[in-house]
Amino acid sequence: MLEINVTTLNANVHITVVSIQGEIDSSTYKTFQTRMDEVLAGGAQNLLLDLQAVPYISSAGLRVIHTLFNKLRDMHKDANDDELRRKMSVGAYKSPYIKVANLMERVREAFELSGFDVYIEVHNDVDSAIQSF
């Protein structure tokens, strides 16, 4: 079972903090995707995913995060695809709109092996992630 709690903070910008509890896998990713679609439809423009209580994430869960990355890029009219690829290839791009915090070791490994850390900032705690927006 997946539990998703959403709060909004007023920091430098409005930040929607999404705290997730449970494994994100083939049986729960649709719940994650549906809830994130609702969050974006509700006006969220800056997301912080707190994965402290997520012991495992499958490729299905990672696809949801990648989809969020793309939807936020479109929403903010971020770098075009060519510019984005060029910046990412030299390590010069991290999304200013989606960040993750508190990755357990297994989730961090999946995140890094998939290359997500190339374009999404990973923080050790929620406070540092909030300050980075």
Protein backbone atom coordinates (compact mmCIF):
# COMPACT_ATOMS: atom_id res chain seq x y z
CA MET A 1 0.00 0.00 0.00
CA LEU A 2 1.23 3.46 -0.89
CA GLU A 3 0.53 6.48 1.29
CA ILE A 4 1.04 9.95 -0.20
CA ASN A 5 0.80 13.13 1.86
CA VAL A 6 0.95 16.53 0.21
CA THR A 7 1.74 19.84 1.90
CA THR A 8 2.50 23.27 0.49
CA LEU A 9 5.18 25.58 1.85
CA ASN A 10 5.90 29.21 1.19
CA ALA A 11 9.68 29.46 0.94
CA ASN A 12 11.49 31.40 -1.80
CA VAL A 13 8.73 29.98 -4.03
CA HIS A 14 5.62 27.89 -3.36
CA ILE A 15 6.87 24.33 -2.83
CA THR A 16 4.64 21.30 -2.84
CA VAL A 17 6.18 18.65 -0.60
CA VAL A 18 5.07 15.13 -1.44
CA SER A 19 5.89 12.63 1.31
CA ILE A 20 5.56 9.05 0.17
CA GLN A 21 5.41 5.93 2.31
CA GLY A 22 5.67 2.44 0.85
CA GLU A 23 7.19 0.74 -2.15
CA ILE A 24 6.66 2.30 -5.56
CA ASP A 25 6.43 -0.65 -7.93
CA SER A 26 4.23 -2.20 -10.61
CA SER A 27 1.33 -2.55 -8.18
CA THR A 28 1.45 1.03 -6.79
CA TYR A 29 2.85 3.28 -9.52
CA LYS A 30 -0.62 4.07 -10.91
CA THR A 31 -1.66 5.42 -7.50
CA PHE A 32 1.51 7.54 -7.48
CA GLN A 33 0.88 8.77 -11.05
CA THR A 34 -2.78 9.61 -10.40
CA ARG A 35 -1.96 11.53 -7.22
CA MET A 36 0.84 13.46 -8.93
CA ASP A 37 -1.49 14.37 -11.82
CA GLU A 38 -3.95 15.71 -9.23
CA VAL A 39 -1.19 17.70 -7.53
CA LEU A 40 -0.11 19.30 -10.83
CA ALA A 41 -3.73 19.96 -11.83
CA GLY A 42 -4.11 21.70 -8.45
CA GLY A 43 -1.47 24.24 -9.42
CA ALA A 44 1.78 22.80 -8.04
CA GLN A 45 4.78 24.14 -9.95
CA ASN A 46 7.70 23.20 -7.68
CA LEU A 47 7.80 19.66 -6.31
CA LEU A 48 9.87 18.13 -3.57
CA LEU A 49 9.53 14.37 -3.31
CA ASP A 50 10.39 13.18 0.20
CA LEU A 51 11.21 9.49 -0.23
CA GLN A 52 12.34 8.83 3.35
CA ALA A 53 9.79 6.02 3.79
CA VAL A 54 10.22 4.46 0.33
CA PRO A 55 12.37 1.34 0.66
CA TYR A 56 12.08 0.37 -3.02
CA ILE A 57 11.30 2.00 -6.36
CA SER A 58 10.94 0.08 -9.61
CA SER A 59 11.34 1.31 -13.16
CA ALA A 60 7.59 2.04 -13.17
CA GLY A 61 8.04 4.44 -10.24
CA LEU A 62 11.05 6.05 -11.90
CA ARG A 63 8.97 6.58 -15.05
CA VAL A 64 6.42 8.51 -12.98
CA ILE A 65 9.20 10.78 -11.70
CA HIS A 66 10.54 11.25 -15.24
CA THR A 67 7.03 12.12 -16.44
CA LEU A 68 6.76 14.70 -13.63
CA PHE A 69 10.10 16.16 -14.74
CA ASN A 70 8.81 16.52 -18.31
CA LYS A 71 5.45 17.97 -17.29
CA LEU A 72 7.16 20.58 -15.11
CA ARG A 73 9.57 21.44 -17.94
CA ASP A 74 6.60 21.98 -20.26
CA MET A 75 4.75 24.01 -17.64
CA HIS A 76 7.72 26.33 -17.08
CA LYS A 77 8.75 26.46 -20.76
CA ASP A 78 12.18 25.28 -19.68
CA ALA A 79 15.13 24.60 -22.00
CA ASN A 80 14.25 23.08 -25.38
CA ASP A 81 15.21 19.45 -25.96
CA ASP A 82 18.47 20.17 -27.81
CA GLU A 83 19.60 22.70 -25.22
CA LEU A 84 18.61 20.34 -22.41
CA ARG A 85 20.58 17.42 -23.87
CA ARG A 86 23.61 19.64 -24.41
CA LYS A 87 23.51 20.96 -20.84
CA MET A 88 22.90 17.52 -19.33
CA SER A 89 25.81 15.98 -21.27
CA VAL A 90 28.22 18.37 -19.55
CA GLY A 91 26.50 18.23 -16.15
CA ALA A 92 25.22 21.80 -16.42
CA TYR A 93 21.51 21.14 -15.89
CA LYS A 94 19.48 20.17 -12.84
CA SER A 95 15.75 20.81 -12.79
CA PRO A 96 14.86 23.82 -10.65
CA TYR A 97 11.26 22.52 -10.41
CA ILE A 98 11.54 18.97 -9.06
CA LYS A 99 13.89 17.70 -6.36
CA VAL A 100 14.10 14.59 -4.20
CA ALA A 101 15.18 14.12 -0.60
CA ASN A 102 15.91 11.35 1.88
CA LEU A 103 16.62 8.50 -0.50
CA MET A 104 17.21 5.14 1.16
CA GLU A 105 20.31 3.35 -0.14
CA ARG A 106 18.43 1.00 -2.47
CA VAL A 107 16.36 3.85 -3.93
CA ARG A 108 19.46 6.04 -4.29
CA GLU A 109 21.18 3.24 -6.24
CA ALA A 110 18.19 2.89 -8.59
CA PHE A 111 18.06 6.66 -9.03
CA GLU A 112 21.77 6.88 -9.84
CA LEU A 113 21.91 3.76 -12.05
CA SER A 114 19.02 5.19 -14.07
CA GLY A 115 20.87 8.50 -14.47
CA PHE A 116 18.17 10.54 -12.75
CA ASP A 117 20.76 12.24 -10.54
CA VAL A 118 22.15 13.86 -13.70
CA TYR A 119 19.10 16.12 -14.05
CA ILE A 120 17.28 15.96 -10.68
CA GLU A 121 18.89 17.24 -7.49
CA VAL A 122 19.16 14.72 -4.68
CA HIS A 123 19.24 16.08 -1.12
CA ASN A 124 19.97 14.31 2.14
CA ASP A 125 17.15 16.08 3.96
CA VAL A 126 13.99 18.08 3.31
CA ASP A 127 15.39 21.33 4.78
CA SER A 128 18.35 21.51 2.39
CA ALA A 129 16.07 20.65 -0.52
CA ILE A 130 13.66 23.44 0.42
CA GLN A 131 16.53 25.92 0.65
CA SER A 132 17.69 24.94 -2.84
CA PHE A 133 14.52 26.18 -4.55
